[in-house]
C-alpha atoms as a PDB file:
ATOM      1  CA  MET A   1      -0.055   0.300   0.564  1.00  0.00           C
ATOM      2  CA  GLN A   2       0.983   3.368  -1.041  1.00  0.00           C
ATOM      3  CA  LEU A   3       0.099   5.995   1.180  1.00  0.00           C
ATOM      4  CA  HIS A   4      -2.007   8.118  -1.029  1.00  0.00           C
ATOM      5  CA  GLU A   5      -3.750   4.792  -1.157  1.00  0.00           C
ATOM      6  CA  LEU A   6      -3.799   5.213   2.704  1.00  0.00           C
ATOM      7  CA  PRO A   7      -8.445   4.476   3.230  1.00  0.00           C
ATOM      8  CA  PRO A   8     -10.763   7.146   5.594  1.00  0.00           C
ATOM      9  CA  TYR A   9     -11.556   4.332   7.874  1.00  0.00           C
ATOM     10  CA  ALA A  10      -9.084   2.215  10.480  1.00  0.00           C
ATOM     11  CA  VAL A  11      -9.662  -0.879  12.745  1.00  0.00           C
ATOM     12  CA  THR A  12      -8.144  -1.195  15.332  1.00  0.00           C
ATOM     13  CA  HIS A  13      -8.775  -3.449  18.589  1.00  0.00           C
ATOM     14  CA  ALA A  14     -10.427  -2.839  21.521  1.00  0.00           C
ATOM     15  CA  GLY A  15      -9.993  -3.277  25.039  1.00  0.00           C
ATOM     16  CA  LYS A  16      -6.719  -2.680  26.386  1.00  0.00           C
ATOM     17  CA  PHE A  17      -4.129  -0.385  24.840  1.00  0.00           C
ATOM     18  CA  HIS A  18      -0.679  -0.271  24.772  1.00  0.00           C
ATOM     19  CA  ALA A  19       1.589   1.748  23.006  1.00  0.00           C
ATOM     20  CA  ASP A  20       2.342  -0.142  20.184  1.00  0.00           C
ATOM     21  CA  ASP A  21      -1.532   0.420  18.636  1.00  0.00           C
ATOM     22  CA  VAL A  22      -1.312   4.155  20.568  1.00  0.00           C
ATOM     23  CA  PHE A  23       1.667   5.333  18.630  1.00  0.00           C
ATOM     24  CA  SER A  24       0.237   3.682  15.106  1.00  0.00           C
ATOM     25  CA  GLY A  25      -3.372   5.561  15.633  1.00  0.00           C
ATOM     26  CA  ALA A  26      -1.162   9.127  15.958  1.00  0.00           C
ATOM     27  CA  LEU A  27       0.219   8.454  13.072  1.00  0.00           C
ATOM     28  CA  LEU A  28      -2.097   7.767  10.710  1.00  0.00           C
ATOM     29  CA  ARG A  29      -3.710  11.197  12.297  1.00  0.00           C
ATOM     30  CA  LEU A  30      -0.413  12.308  10.807  1.00  0.00           C
ATOM     31  CA  LEU A  31      -0.408  10.592   7.176  1.00  0.00           C
ATOM     32  CA  ARG A  32      -4.270  11.377   6.807  1.00  0.00           C
ATOM     33  CA  PRO A  33      -5.979  13.740   8.573  1.00  0.00           C
ATOM     34  CA  GLY A  34      -8.921  12.769   9.823  1.00  0.00           C
ATOM     35  CA  ILE A  35      -9.039   8.996   9.393  1.00  0.00           C
ATOM     36  CA  GLY A  36     -11.220   7.471  11.315  1.00  0.00           C
ATOM     37  CA  ILE A  37      -9.391   5.221  13.678  1.00  0.00           C
ATOM     38  CA  THR A  38     -12.251   2.547  14.612  1.00  0.00           C
ATOM     39  CA  ARG A  39     -12.025  -0.070  17.690  1.00  0.00           C
ATOM     40  CA  ALA A  40     -13.459  -3.708  17.512  1.00  0.00           C
ATOM     41  CA  LEU A  41     -12.912  -7.062  19.576  1.00  0.00           C
ATOM     42  CA  LYS A  42     -12.610  -8.316  14.857  1.00  0.00           C
ATOM     43  CA  ILE A  43     -12.726  -6.496  11.693  1.00  0.00           C
ATOM     44  CA  PRO A  44     -16.293  -5.723  10.521  1.00  0.00           C
ATOM     45  CA  GLU A  45     -17.412  -7.176   7.937  1.00  0.00           C
ATOM     46  CA  HIS A  46     -17.601  -5.885   4.548  1.00  0.00           C
ATOM     47  CA  PHE A  47     -14.825  -3.629   6.176  1.00  0.00           C
ATOM     48  CA  GLU A  48     -12.597  -2.414   3.742  1.00  0.00           C
ATOM     49  CA  GLY A  49     -10.428   0.417   5.778  1.00  0.00           C
ATOM     50  CA  LEU A  50      -7.683   0.048   6.587  1.00  0.00           C
ATOM     51  CA  ALA A  51      -6.433  -3.246   9.874  1.00  0.00           C
ATOM     52  CA  PHE A  52      -4.071  -2.849  12.309  1.00  0.00           C
ATOM     53  CA  ASP A  53      -2.716  -4.368  15.270  1.00  0.00           C
ATOM     54  CA  LEU A  54      -5.657  -6.828  14.402  1.00  0.00           C
ATOM     55  CA  GLY A  55      -6.646  -9.475  11.264  1.00  0.00           C
ATOM     56  CA  TRP A  56      -3.333 -10.668  10.932  1.00  0.00           C
ATOM     57  CA  GLY A  57      -3.430  -8.670   7.873  1.00  0.00           C
ATOM     58  CA  GLU A  58      -0.769  -6.776   6.446  1.00  0.00           C
ATOM     59  CA  PHE A  59       0.051  -3.876   9.776  1.00  0.00           C
ATOM     60  CA  ASP A  60      -0.487  -6.777  12.332  1.00  0.00           C
ATOM     61  CA  HIS A  61       2.103  -8.957  13.912  1.00  0.00           C
ATOM     62  CA  HIS A  62       0.378 -11.671  15.696  1.00  0.00           C
ATOM     63  CA  GLN A  63       0.644 -14.488  13.741  1.00  0.00           C
ATOM     64  CA  GLN A  64       2.919 -17.135  13.342  1.00  0.00           C
ATOM     65  CA  GLY A  65       6.210 -15.833  10.577  1.00  0.00           C
ATOM     66  CA  ALA A  66       5.106 -12.195  11.638  1.00  0.00           C
ATOM     67  CA  PRO A  67       7.514 -10.386  10.094  1.00  0.00           C
ATOM     68  CA  VAL A  68      10.827  -9.405  12.370  1.00  0.00           C
ATOM     69  CA  ARG A  69      13.993  -7.434  11.404  1.00  0.00           C
ATOM     70  CA  GLU A  70      17.266  -8.088  10.274  1.00  0.00           C
ATOM     71  CA  ASN A  71      19.063  -7.578  13.815  1.00  0.00           C
ATOM     72  CA  GLY A  72      16.543 -10.331  15.103  1.00  0.00           C
ATOM     73  CA  VAL A  73      13.677  -7.800  17.250  1.00  0.00           C
ATOM     74  CA  PRO A  74       9.769  -8.126  15.700  1.00  0.00           C
ATOM     75  CA  TYR A  75       7.321  -5.581  14.050  1.00  0.00           C
ATOM     76  CA  ALA A  76       5.071  -4.980  15.810  1.00  0.00           C
ATOM     77  CA  ALA A  77       1.873  -2.486  14.828  1.00  0.00           C
ATOM     78  CA  PHE A  78       4.488   0.611  14.765  1.00  0.00           C
ATOM     79  CA  GLY A  79       6.715  -0.794  13.438  1.00  0.00           C
ATOM     80  CA  LEU A  80       5.235  -1.734  10.621  1.00  0.00           C
ATOM     81  CA  LEU A  81       3.654   0.798   9.212  1.00  0.00           C
ATOM     82  CA  TRP A  82       6.847   3.534   8.920  1.00  0.00           C
ATOM     83  CA  ARG A  83       8.129   0.349   7.205  1.00  0.00           C
ATOM     84  CA  ALA A  84       4.741   0.509   4.765  1.00  0.00           C
ATOM     85  CA  PHE A  85       4.885   4.932   5.376  1.00  0.00           C
ATOM     86  CA  GLY A  86       8.065   6.298   7.508  1.00  0.00           C
ATOM     87  CA  GLU A  87      10.366   7.196   5.269  1.00  0.00           C
ATOM     88  CA  GLU A  88       7.747   9.084   2.154  1.00  0.00           C
ATOM     89  CA  LEU A  89       6.211  10.851   5.565  1.00  0.00           C
ATOM     90  CA  LEU A  90       9.888  12.007   6.020  1.00  0.00           C
ATOM     91  CA  ARG A  91      10.387  13.353   2.637  1.00  0.00           C
ATOM     92  CA  ARG A  92       8.261  15.533   3.133  1.00  0.00           C
ATOM     93  CA  GLY A  93      10.397  17.535   5.148  1.00  0.00           C
ATOM     94  CA  CYS A  94      13.626  15.929   3.979  1.00  0.00           C
ATOM     95  CA  CYS A  95      15.351  14.196   0.164  1.00  0.00           C
ATOM     96  CA  ALA A  96      15.513  10.756  -0.363  1.00  0.00           C
ATOM     97  CA  GLU A  97      18.613  10.673   0.707  1.00  0.00           C
ATOM     98  CA  ASP A  98      18.088  12.356   3.464  1.00  0.00           C
ATOM     99  CA  ALA A  99      14.794  10.376   4.380  1.00  0.00           C
ATOM    100  CA  ARG A 100      15.712   7.426   4.009  1.00  0.00           C
ATOM    101  CA  ARG A 101      18.731   7.192   6.542  1.00  0.00           C
ATOM    102  CA  GLU A 102      16.899   9.818   9.280  1.00  0.00           C
ATOM    103  CA  ALA A 103      13.249   6.849   8.936  1.00  0.00           C
ATOM    104  CA  ALA A 104      16.177   3.681   9.564  1.00  0.00           C
ATOM    105  CA  ARG A 105      17.371   5.907  12.738  1.00  0.00           C
ATOM    106  CA  PHE A 106      13.829   6.798  13.860  1.00  0.00           C
ATOM    107  CA  ASP A 107      13.051   2.846  13.545  1.00  0.00           C
ATOM    108  CA  GLU A 108      15.372   1.790  15.616  1.00  0.00           C
ATOM    109  CA  GLN A 109      16.341   4.763  18.413  1.00  0.00           C
ATOM    110  CA  PHE A 110      12.171   5.436  18.983  1.00  0.00           C
ATOM    111  CA  ILE A 111      10.557   2.298  17.101  1.00  0.00           C
ATOM    112  CA  GLN A 112      12.327  -1.283  17.980  1.00  0.00           C
ATOM    113  CA  PRO A 113      11.817  -0.460  21.677  1.00  0.00           C
ATOM    114  CA  LEU A 114       8.171  -0.114  21.687  1.00  0.00           C
ATOM    115  CA  ASP A 115       8.158  -3.008  19.011  1.00  0.00           C
ATOM    116  CA  LEU A 116      10.032  -5.047  21.133  1.00  0.00           C
ATOM    117  CA  ASP A 117       8.021  -4.190  24.889  1.00  0.00           C
ATOM    118  CA  ASP A 118       5.392  -4.836  23.106  1.00  0.00           C
ATOM    119  CA  ASN A 119       5.851  -7.612  21.894  1.00  0.00           C
ATOM    120  CA  THR A 120       8.664  -9.487  24.480  1.00  0.00           C
ATOM    121  CA  GLY A 121       7.281  -7.533  27.336  1.00  0.00           C
ATOM    122  CA  CYS A 122      10.662  -6.904  27.995  1.00  0.00           C
ATOM    123  CA  GLY A 123       9.623  -2.851  29.508  1.00  0.00           C
ATOM    124  CA  ALA A 124      10.330   0.196  27.899  1.00  0.00           C
ATOM    125  CA  PRO A 125       9.711   3.855  29.618  1.00  0.00           C
ATOM    126  CA  LEU A 126       7.646   4.623  26.828  1.00  0.00           C
ATOM    127  CA  ALA A 127       5.742   2.444  26.790  1.00  0.00           C
ATOM    128  CA  SER A 128       4.174   2.581  30.515  1.00  0.00           C
ATOM    129  CA  VAL A 129       3.563   6.029  30.102  1.00  0.00           C
ATOM    130  CA  ILE A 130       1.814   5.291  27.353  1.00  0.00           C
ATOM    131  CA  GLY A 131      -0.554   2.652  29.000  1.00  0.00           C
ATOM    132  CA  SER A 132      -1.346   4.427  32.427  1.00  0.00           C
ATOM    133  CA  PHE A 133      -3.801   6.198  30.069  1.00  0.00           C
ATOM    134  CA  ASN A 134      -5.767   2.918  30.823  1.00  0.00           C
ATOM    135  CA  PRO A 135      -8.735   2.806  33.098  1.00  0.00           C
ATOM    136  CA  ALA A 136      -8.611   1.381  36.903  1.00  0.00           C
ATOM    137  CA  TRP A 137      -9.889  -1.590  37.690  1.00  0.00           C
ATOM    138  CA  ASP A 138     -12.253   0.445  39.549  1.00  0.00           C
ATOM    139  CA  SER A 139     -12.791   3.640  37.606  1.00  0.00           C
ATOM    140  CA  GLY A 140     -15.705   2.874  35.328  1.00  0.00           C
ATOM    141  CA  ASP A 141     -13.955   5.339  32.466  1.00  0.00           C
ATOM    142  CA  SER A 142     -14.386   4.758  29.001  1.00  0.00           C
ATOM    143  CA  VAL A 143     -11.238   2.724  27.491  1.00  0.00           C
ATOM    144  CA  ASP A 144     -11.800   4.196  24.522  1.00  0.00           C
ATOM    145  CA  GLU A 145     -12.012   7.711  25.895  1.00  0.00           C
ATOM    146  CA  GLN A 146      -9.106   6.769  27.036  1.00  0.00           C
ATOM    147  CA  TYR A 147      -7.775   5.567  23.721  1.00  0.00           C
ATOM    148  CA  TYR A 148      -7.801   8.295  21.875  1.00  0.00           C
ATOM    149  CA  LYS A 149      -6.389  10.722  24.756  1.00  0.00           C
ATOM    150  CA  ALA A 150      -3.302   8.388  24.612  1.00  0.00           C
ATOM    151  CA  VAL A 151      -3.338   9.172  20.302  1.00  0.00           C
ATOM    152  CA  GLU A 152      -2.993  12.417  20.866  1.00  0.00           C
ATOM    153  CA  PHE A 153      -0.722  12.321  23.535  1.00  0.00           C
ATOM    154  CA  ALA A 154       1.555  10.488  21.358  1.00  0.00           C
ATOM    155  CA  GLY A 155       0.798  12.272  18.490  1.00  0.00           C
ATOM    156  CA  VAL A 156       2.293  15.272  20.293  1.00  0.00           C
ATOM    157  CA  ILE A 157       5.412  13.503  21.333  1.00  0.00           C
ATOM    158  CA  LEU A 158       6.087  12.524  17.983  1.00  0.00           C
ATOM    159  CA  ARG A 159       4.781  14.857  15.789  1.00  0.00           C
ATOM    160  CA  ARG A 160       7.699  17.085  17.736  1.00  0.00           C
ATOM    161  CA  ARG A 161       9.802  14.002  16.951  1.00  0.00           C
ATOM    162  CA  LEU A 162       9.727  14.712  12.769  1.00  0.00           C
ATOM    163  CA  GLU A 163      10.042  18.136  13.371  1.00  0.00           C
ATOM    164  CA  GLU A 164      13.703  18.071  14.842  1.00  0.00           C
ATOM    165  CA  ILE A 165      13.585  15.272  12.428  1.00  0.00           C
ATOM    166  CA  TRP A 166      13.598  17.937   9.599  1.00  0.00           C
ATOM    167  CA  ALA A 167      15.479  19.921  11.552  1.00  0.00           C
ATOM    168  CA  VAL A 168      18.673  18.183  11.263  1.00  0.00           C
ATOM    169  CA  CYS A 169      17.126  17.221   7.596  1.00  0.00           C
ATOM    170  CA  ARG A 170      17.053  21.006   6.295  1.00  0.00           C
ATOM    171  CA  ALA A 171      20.552  21.874   8.601  1.00  0.00           C
ATOM    172  CA  SER A 172      21.732  19.181   6.116  1.00  0.00           C
ATOM    173  CA  VAL A 173      22.575  21.303   3.238  1.00  0.00           C
ATOM    174  CA  LEU A 174      24.244  23.540   5.580  1.00  0.00           C
ATOM    175  CA  VAL A 175      26.639  21.168   6.835  1.00  0.00           C
ATOM    176  CA  ARG A 176      28.145  19.447   3.503  1.00  0.00           C
ATOM    177  CA  GLU A 177      28.491  23.022   2.135  1.00  0.00           C
ATOM    178  CA  ALA A 178      31.244  23.685   4.838  1.00  0.00           C
ATOM    179  CA  LEU A 179      32.231  20.053   4.865  1.00  0.00           C
ATOM    180  CA  ALA A 180      33.716  20.935   1.610  1.00  0.00           C
ATOM    181  CA  ASN A 181      35.097  23.536   2.472  1.00  0.00           C
ATOM    182  CA  MET A 182      36.792  21.816   5.828  1.00  0.00           C
ATOM    183  CA  LYS A 183      40.371  23.072   6.308  1.00  0.00           C
ATOM    184  CA  ASP A 184      41.976  20.184   8.054  1.00  0.00           C
ATOM    185  CA  GLY A 185      39.809  18.391  10.391  1.00  0.00           C
ATOM    186  CA  VAL A 186      38.370  21.375  10.974  1.00  0.00           C
ATOM    187  CA  VAL A 187      34.478  22.248  10.340  1.00  0.00           C
ATOM    188  CA  GLU A 188      33.047  26.017  10.171  1.00  0.00           C
ATOM    189  CA  LEU A 189      29.687  26.577  10.615  1.00  0.00           C
ATOM    190  CA  GLY A 190      27.990  29.822  10.489  1.00  0.00           C
ATOM    191  CA  CYS A 191      25.107  29.021  12.755  1.00  0.00           C
ATOM    192  CA  TYR A 192      23.822  27.139  15.338  1.00  0.00           C
ATOM    193  CA  CYS A 193      22.948  23.619  13.691  1.00  0.00           C
ATOM    194  CA  PRO A 194      22.133  20.311  14.060  1.00  0.00           C
ATOM    195  CA  TRP A 195      25.744  18.701  12.373  1.00  0.00           C
ATOM    196  CA  LYS A 196      25.854  14.677  12.618  1.00  0.00           C
ATOM    197  CA  ALA A 197      23.389  13.366  11.152  1.00  0.00           C
ATOM    198  CA  VAL A 198      26.325  14.550   7.732  1.00  0.00           C
ATOM    199  CA  LEU A 199      29.843  14.546   9.727  1.00  0.00           C
ATOM    200  CA  ALA A 200      30.268  11.453  12.128  1.00  0.00           C
ATOM    201  CA  HIS A 201      31.342   9.184  10.880  1.00  0.00           C
ATOM    202  CA  SER A 202      33.147  12.150   7.989  1.00  0.00           C
ATOM    203  CA  ASP A 203      36.847  13.279   7.662  1.00  0.00           C
ATOM    204  CA  ALA A 204      36.005  15.735  10.319  1.00  0.00           C
ATOM    205  CA  GLN A 205      37.713  15.980  13.662  1.00  0.00           C
ATOM    206  CA  PHE A 206      36.429  18.546  14.563  1.00  0.00           C
ATOM    207  CA  VAL A 207      33.572  21.133  14.157  1.00  0.00           C
ATOM    208  CA  VAL A 208      33.606  25.291  15.292  1.00  0.00           C
ATOM    209  CA  TYR A 209      29.814  27.179  15.579  1.00  0.00           C
ATOM    210  CA  PRO A 210      28.208  29.373  16.680  1.00  0.00           C
ATOM    211  CA  SER A 211      26.670  29.008  20.165  1.00  0.00           C
ATOM    212  CA  GLN A 212      23.848  29.733  21.609  1.00  0.00           C
ATOM    213  CA  ARG A 213      24.945  30.924  24.979  1.00  0.00           C
ATOM    214  CA  GLY A 214      26.988  33.441  22.748  1.00  0.00           C
ATOM    215  CA  GLY A 215      30.481  33.330  22.083  1.00  0.00           C
ATOM    216  CA  PHE A 216      31.516  29.719  19.657  1.00  0.00           C
ATOM    217  CA  GLY A 217      31.870  25.850  20.852  1.00  0.00           C
ATOM    218  CA  ALA A 218      34.649  23.316  19.404  1.00  0.00           C
ATOM    219  CA  GLN A 219      33.011  19.665  19.500  1.00  0.00           C
ATOM    220  CA  VAL A 220      34.817  16.611  18.436  1.00  0.00           C
ATOM    221  CA  VAL A 221      32.982  14.818  16.197  1.00  0.00           C
ATOM    222  CA  PRO A 222      32.087  10.990  16.708  1.00  0.00           C
ATOM    223  CA  SER A 223      34.134   9.656  13.825  1.00  0.00           C
ATOM    224  CA  GLY A 224      35.431   5.899  14.921  1.00  0.00           C
ATOM    225  CA  GLU A 225      32.933   2.275  14.256  1.00  0.00           C
ATOM    226  CA  ASP A 226      32.296   2.154  17.585  1.00  0.00           C
ATOM    227  CA  GLY A 227      30.750   6.316  17.508  1.00  0.00           C
ATOM    228  CA  GLU A 228      34.370   7.473  19.178  1.00  0.00           C
ATOM    229  CA  ALA A 229      36.742  10.890  17.945  1.00  0.00           C
ATOM    230  CA  PRO A 230      39.943   9.673  17.192  1.00  0.00           C
ATOM    231  CA  ILE A 231      41.161  12.657  19.200  1.00  0.00           C
ATOM    232  CA  ASP A 232      40.153  14.399  22.200  1.00  0.00           C
ATOM    233  CA  PHE A 233      41.027  17.907  24.375  1.00  0.00           C
ATOM    234  CA  PRO A 234      43.312  16.828  26.406  1.00  0.00           C
ATOM    235  CA  ALA A 235      43.542  15.991  29.109  1.00  0.00           C
ATOM    236  CA  ALA A 236      45.184  18.897  31.004  1.00  0.00           C
ATOM    237  CA  TRP A 237      41.712  20.800  29.967  1.00  0.00           C
ATOM    238  CA  ALA A 238      38.822  19.359  31.342  1.00  0.00           C
ATOM    239  CA  GLY A 239      37.495  21.063  34.152  1.00  0.00           C
ATOM    240  CA  LYS A 240      40.307  23.297  34.251  1.00  0.00           C
ATOM    241  CA  SER A 241      39.170  27.389  35.016  1.00  0.00           C
ATOM    242  CA  ALA A 242      38.982  29.853  32.617  1.00  0.00           C
ATOM    243  CA  GLY A 243      41.743  31.045  33.763  1.00  0.00           C
ATOM    244  CA  GLU A 244      43.611  28.311  33.803  1.00  0.00           C
ATOM    245  CA  LEU A 245      42.819  27.515  29.961  1.00  0.00           C
ATOM    246  CA  ILE A 246      44.372  30.547  29.210  1.00  0.00           C
ATOM    247  CA  ALA A 247      47.302  29.909  30.775  1.00  0.00           C
ATOM    248  CA  LEU A 248      47.408  25.890  29.805  1.00  0.00           C
ATOM    249  CA  THR A 249      46.476  27.340  25.985  1.00  0.00           C
ATOM    250  CA  GLY A 250      47.605  30.834  25.730  1.00  0.00           C
ATOM    251  CA  LEU A 251      43.823  31.263  23.791  1.00  0.00           C
ATOM    252  CA  LYS A 252      42.555  34.593  25.042  1.00  0.00           C
ATOM    253  CA  THR A 253      39.462  33.727  24.683  1.00  0.00           C
ATOM    254  CA  ILE A 254      39.395  30.474  26.112  1.00  0.00           C
ATOM    255  CA  ARG A 255      36.614  29.622  28.428  1.00  0.00           C
ATOM    256  CA  PHE A 256      35.850  26.519  28.945  1.00  0.00           C
ATOM    257  CA  CYS A 257      36.745  22.851  28.366  1.00  0.00           C
ATOM    258  CA  HIS A 258      34.015  20.144  29.339  1.00  0.00           C
ATOM    259  CA  ASN A 259      35.309  17.049  32.370  1.00  0.00           C
ATOM    260  CA  GLY A 260      34.515  14.654  28.921  1.00  0.00           C
ATOM    261  CA  ARG A 261      37.022  16.019  27.076  1.00  0.00           C
ATOM    262  CA  PHE A 262      34.678  16.557  23.671  1.00  0.00           C
ATOM    263  CA  LEU A 263      33.417  20.433  24.017  1.00  0.00           C
ATOM    264  CA  VAL A 264      34.901  23.728  24.065  1.00  0.00           C
ATOM    265  CA  THR A 265      33.614  26.739  24.661  1.00  0.00           C
ATOM    266  CA  CYS A 266      35.468  30.863  23.470  1.00  0.00           C
ATOM    267  CA  ASP A 267      34.340  34.497  23.436  1.00  0.00           C
ATOM    268  CA  GLU A 268      36.220  34.313  19.289  1.00  0.00           C
ATOM    269  CA  LYS A 269      35.816  31.629  17.387  1.00  0.00           C
ATOM    270  CA  GLU A 270      39.701  32.462  15.908  1.00  0.00           C
ATOM    271  CA  ASP A 271      40.059  30.538  19.130  1.00  0.00           C
ATOM    272  CA  ALA A 272      37.781  27.984  19.052  1.00  0.00           C
ATOM    273  CA  VAL A 273      39.654  26.718  16.414  1.00  0.00           C
ATOM    274  CA  ALA A 274      43.475  27.522  17.587  1.00  0.00           C
ATOM    275  CA  ALA A 275      41.489  24.968  20.403  1.00  0.00           C
ATOM    276  CA  CYS A 276      41.774  22.105  17.494  1.00  0.00           C
ATOM    277  CA  ARG A 277      44.891  23.012  15.484  1.00  0.00           C
ATOM    278  CA  LEU A 278      45.972  22.788  19.306  1.00  0.00           C
ATOM    279  CA  ALA A 279      44.268  19.328  19.877  1.00  0.00           C
ATOM    280  CA  GLN A 280      44.709  17.632  16.742  1.00  0.00           C
ATOM    281  CA  ARG A 281      49.107  18.242  17.821  1.00  0.00           C
ATOM    282  CA  ALA A 282      48.502  16.851  21.230  1.00  0.00           C
ATOM    283  CA  GLY A 283      46.460  13.416  19.677  1.00  0.00           C
ATOM    284  CA  GLU A 284      45.834  12.063  22.619  1.00  0.00           C
ATOM    285  CA  LYS A 285      42.396   9.853  22.840  1.00  0.00           C
ATOM    286  CA  LYS A 286      40.352   9.375  26.048  1.00  0.00           C
ATOM    287  CA  GLN A 287      41.031   6.139  27.200  1.00  0.00           C
ATOM    288  CA  LYS A 288      37.932   3.762  28.032  1.00  0.00           C
ATOM    289  CA  GLY A 289      36.797   2.199  30.950  1.00  0.00           C
END
């Protein structure tokens, strides 16, 4: 099924709900605003809409032989819907390449924990939050009304996460341009914007950007296969005061070096770049453990 083929009606199971069917409902409302979602114990006779988490069809996962990801995480309805429509949804604000990458990343980081919880009961904090919308056994609240409240809540979360992804995609154009003009492993950005999606695993070692707190930040780029940076800021700088850092580096506007050695801030961009050059010459890397 293609996104433009989504019907105006959908059905899911009645009774107690979980993060899987709740986020599925929220996703469908984003994919097709105004879609009607009903809840039933079985698919109604002659129903021509989309069924999810019910009926053993394309968007159910309770039957034998239900789909499993290559990494072994089984799909639930949310993951199945995202697999079908997620990349196309992201193309509303991303180029095809970025949409493909970000759709896979979102599945791995956000959807898979929920799918795994639904299939195994392993426990996921967000799944627990969604589950708390179910009525208490003696409350008298309508489970259907609570489901729609949970879908609305999940929709807020989902929309915010998608806006973050689209923001990353907009930034990727600027970051790719800056990467093309990189000088000796240091990328200079003209404004603060998300950069990790482009620079991680590139040849960049450091990135310098205007800080949201004023001045300029210089940050190491995680480019190794293990997600670690090949070079960190020197251990002697870690957690030192501004006065100590000035004495150690000779940089007049250096103000801060994170104890984790991945971030330095300076008042002037030239000093932020110079801090990266000093770190390159020192060539130090954090010791694991």
